[in-house]
Amino acid sequence: MIIIVVGALVLLKYVYNIDVVGFLTQGRFRELLDQFYILGAKGWTKYSEVIIKVWNYCLDFIKNIFSK
């Protein structure tokens, strides 16, 4: 679990240029949330149709499992 968290932090730092540890240790939590919001907004505008289709598929799958 720790390896996954550290890997995600490294990925955010080098791929998306978001320094989570730096923001948290320096007390700049609002800037961190702003960076995540910008990243999420860009992702939503680009992949919203895919996200909605996957979400609906997962809901239908869960409904089918519980209905049996």
N, C-alpha and C. Protein backbone atom coordinates (compact mmCIF):
# COMPACT_ATOMS: atom_id res chain seq x y z
N MET A 1 0.82 -1.18 0.00
CA MET A 1 0.00 0.00 0.00
C MET A 1 0.87 1.26 0.00
N ILE A 2 1.92 1.23 0.80
CA ILE A 2 2.82 2.39 0.88
C ILE A 2 3.51 2.61 -0.46
N ILE A 3 3.89 1.53 -1.12
CA ILE A 3 4.56 1.65 -2.41
C ILE A 3 3.63 2.29 -3.44
N ILE A 4 2.35 1.95 -3.40
CA ILE A 4 1.39 2.54 -4.33
C ILE A 4 1.23 4.03 -4.07
N VAL A 5 1.14 4.43 -2.80
CA VAL A 5 1.00 5.84 -2.46
C VAL A 5 2.24 6.63 -2.88
N VAL A 6 3.40 6.10 -2.58
CA VAL A 6 4.64 6.78 -2.97
C VAL A 6 4.75 6.86 -4.49
N GLY A 7 4.38 5.80 -5.18
CA GLY A 7 4.39 5.81 -6.64
C GLY A 7 3.45 6.85 -7.21
N ALA A 8 2.27 6.99 -6.60
CA ALA A 8 1.31 8.00 -7.07
C ALA A 8 1.84 9.41 -6.84
N LEU A 9 2.50 9.63 -5.70
CA LEU A 9 3.08 10.95 -5.43
C LEU A 9 4.19 11.29 -6.41
N VAL A 10 5.02 10.30 -6.73
CA VAL A 10 6.10 10.51 -7.71
C VAL A 10 5.51 10.78 -9.09
N LEU A 11 4.47 10.05 -9.46
CA LEU A 11 3.81 10.26 -10.74
C LEU A 11 3.22 11.66 -10.83
N LEU A 12 2.56 12.11 -9.79
CA LEU A 12 2.02 13.48 -9.78
C LEU A 12 3.12 14.52 -9.89
N LYS A 13 4.24 14.27 -9.24
CA LYS A 13 5.33 15.25 -9.24
C LYS A 13 5.96 15.38 -10.62
N TYR A 14 6.26 14.28 -11.27
CA TYR A 14 7.04 14.34 -12.50
C TYR A 14 6.20 14.40 -13.77
N VAL A 15 5.00 13.86 -13.75
CA VAL A 15 4.17 13.89 -14.96
C VAL A 15 3.31 15.15 -15.00
N TYR A 16 2.68 15.48 -13.86
CA TYR A 16 1.75 16.61 -13.83
C TYR A 16 2.32 17.84 -13.12
N ASN A 17 3.54 17.76 -12.63
CA ASN A 17 4.22 18.86 -11.96
C ASN A 17 3.43 19.37 -10.74
N ILE A 18 2.89 18.42 -9.97
CA ILE A 18 2.16 18.74 -8.73
C ILE A 18 2.95 18.15 -7.57
N ASP A 19 3.51 18.99 -6.73
CA ASP A 19 4.32 18.56 -5.60
C ASP A 19 3.45 18.48 -4.35
N VAL A 20 2.84 17.34 -4.12
CA VAL A 20 1.90 17.17 -3.01
C VAL A 20 2.63 17.33 -1.68
N VAL A 21 3.77 16.69 -1.52
CA VAL A 21 4.51 16.76 -0.26
C VAL A 21 4.95 18.20 0.01
N GLY A 22 5.43 18.89 -1.00
CA GLY A 22 5.86 20.27 -0.83
C GLY A 22 4.71 21.17 -0.41
N PHE A 23 3.55 21.00 -1.04
CA PHE A 23 2.39 21.81 -0.68
C PHE A 23 1.97 21.57 0.77
N LEU A 24 1.96 20.31 1.18
CA LEU A 24 1.51 19.98 2.53
C LEU A 24 2.50 20.40 3.60
N THR A 25 3.81 20.25 3.33
CA THR A 25 4.80 20.63 4.34
C THR A 25 4.94 22.14 4.47
N GLN A 26 4.63 22.87 3.43
CA GLN A 26 4.75 24.32 3.47
C GLN A 26 3.43 25.01 3.82
N GLY A 27 2.37 24.23 4.05
CA GLY A 27 1.09 24.80 4.45
C GLY A 27 0.34 25.47 3.33
N ARG A 28 0.58 25.06 2.10
CA ARG A 28 -0.10 25.65 0.94
C ARG A 28 -1.17 24.68 0.42
N PHE A 29 -2.07 24.29 1.31
CA PHE A 29 -3.07 23.28 0.96
C PHE A 29 -4.05 23.79 -0.10
N ARG A 30 -4.40 25.05 -0.06
CA ARG A 30 -5.34 25.61 -1.04
C ARG A 30 -4.77 25.53 -2.45
N GLU A 31 -3.48 25.79 -2.61
CA GLU A 31 -2.85 25.69 -3.92
C GLU A 31 -2.89 24.25 -4.44
N LEU A 32 -2.72 23.30 -3.52
CA LEU A 32 -2.79 21.89 -3.90
C LEU A 32 -4.20 21.55 -4.40
N LEU A 33 -5.22 22.00 -3.69
CA LEU A 33 -6.59 21.74 -4.12
C LEU A 33 -6.90 22.42 -5.45
N ASP A 34 -6.35 23.62 -5.66
CA ASP A 34 -6.53 24.30 -6.94
C ASP A 34 -5.91 23.51 -8.08
N GLN A 35 -4.73 22.94 -7.86
CA GLN A 35 -4.07 22.14 -8.88
C GLN A 35 -4.90 20.89 -9.22
N PHE A 36 -5.43 20.22 -8.18
CA PHE A 36 -6.27 19.05 -8.42
C PHE A 36 -7.56 19.42 -9.15
N TYR A 37 -8.13 20.59 -8.82
CA TYR A 37 -9.35 21.03 -9.49
C TYR A 37 -9.09 21.30 -10.97
N ILE A 38 -7.99 21.96 -11.27
CA ILE A 38 -7.64 22.25 -12.67
C ILE A 38 -7.43 20.95 -13.43
N LEU A 39 -6.72 20.01 -12.82
CA LEU A 39 -6.48 18.71 -13.46
C LEU A 39 -7.79 17.97 -13.69
N GLY A 40 -8.69 17.98 -12.70
CA GLY A 40 -9.98 17.32 -12.84
C GLY A 40 -10.88 17.97 -13.88
N ALA A 41 -10.85 19.30 -13.94
CA ALA A 41 -11.67 20.01 -14.93
C ALA A 41 -11.21 19.72 -16.35
N LYS A 42 -9.91 19.69 -16.55
CA LYS A 42 -9.39 19.35 -17.88
C LYS A 42 -9.74 17.92 -18.26
N GLY A 43 -9.61 17.01 -17.30
CA GLY A 43 -9.96 15.62 -17.56
C GLY A 43 -11.44 15.43 -17.84
N TRP A 44 -12.29 16.16 -17.12
CA TRP A 44 -13.73 16.04 -17.33
C TRP A 44 -14.13 16.54 -18.71
N THR A 45 -13.57 17.68 -19.15
CA THR A 45 -13.94 18.20 -20.46
C THR A 45 -13.46 17.27 -21.57
N LYS A 46 -12.37 16.59 -21.33
CA LYS A 46 -11.82 15.72 -22.38
C LYS A 46 -12.45 14.32 -22.38
N TYR A 47 -12.74 13.78 -21.18
CA TYR A 47 -13.19 12.38 -21.08
C TYR A 47 -14.55 12.22 -20.43
N SER A 48 -15.40 13.23 -20.43
CA SER A 48 -16.67 13.13 -19.71
C SER A 48 -17.57 12.03 -20.27
N GLU A 49 -17.61 11.89 -21.59
CA GLU A 49 -18.47 10.86 -22.18
C GLU A 49 -18.02 9.46 -21.78
N VAL A 50 -16.73 9.23 -21.76
CA VAL A 50 -16.21 7.92 -21.38
C VAL A 50 -16.47 7.65 -19.91
N ILE A 51 -16.29 8.64 -19.07
CA ILE A 51 -16.51 8.47 -17.63
C ILE A 51 -17.97 8.14 -17.37
N ILE A 52 -18.89 8.81 -18.03
CA ILE A 52 -20.32 8.55 -17.83
C ILE A 52 -20.68 7.15 -18.31
N LYS A 53 -20.14 6.73 -19.44
CA LYS A 53 -20.42 5.38 -19.94
C LYS A 53 -19.89 4.31 -18.99
N VAL A 54 -18.68 4.49 -18.48
CA VAL A 54 -18.12 3.52 -17.53
C VAL A 54 -18.93 3.50 -16.25
N TRP A 55 -19.33 4.67 -15.76
CA TRP A 55 -20.14 4.76 -14.54
C TRP A 55 -21.47 4.02 -14.72
N ASN A 56 -22.14 4.24 -15.84
CA ASN A 56 -23.41 3.57 -16.09
C ASN A 56 -23.23 2.06 -16.23
N TYR A 57 -22.15 1.65 -16.87
CA TYR A 57 -21.86 0.22 -17.00
C TYR A 57 -21.65 -0.41 -15.62
N CYS A 58 -20.90 0.26 -14.76
CA CYS A 58 -20.65 -0.26 -13.42
C CYS A 58 -21.95 -0.35 -12.61
N LEU A 59 -22.78 0.67 -12.72
CA LEU A 59 -24.07 0.64 -12.00
C LEU A 59 -24.94 -0.51 -12.49
N ASP A 60 -25.02 -0.70 -13.80
CA ASP A 60 -25.81 -1.80 -14.34
C ASP A 60 -25.25 -3.15 -13.89
N PHE A 61 -23.95 -3.28 -13.86
CA PHE A 61 -23.31 -4.51 -13.42
C PHE A 61 -23.64 -4.81 -11.96
N ILE A 62 -23.57 -3.80 -11.11
CA ILE A 62 -23.89 -3.98 -9.69
C ILE A 62 -25.37 -4.31 -9.51
N LYS A 63 -26.23 -3.67 -10.27
CA LYS A 63 -27.68 -3.97 -10.19
C LYS A 63 -27.94 -5.40 -10.61
N ASN A 64 -27.27 -5.87 -11.64
CA ASN A 64 -27.45 -7.25 -12.10
C ASN A 64 -26.97 -8.25 -11.07
N ILE A 65 -25.90 -7.94 -10.39
CA ILE A 65 -25.37 -8.86 -9.37
C ILE A 65 -26.36 -8.98 -8.21
N PHE A 66 -26.91 -7.85 -7.76
CA PHE A 66 -27.83 -7.87 -6.61
C PHE A 66 -29.22 -8.38 -6.98
N SER A 67 -29.58 -8.32 -8.24
CA SER A 67 -30.90 -8.80 -8.62
C SER A 67 -30.95 -10.33 -8.75
N LYS A 68 -29.81 -10.96 -8.84
CA LYS A 68 -29.79 -12.43 -8.97
C LYS A 68 -29.85 -13.12 -7.66
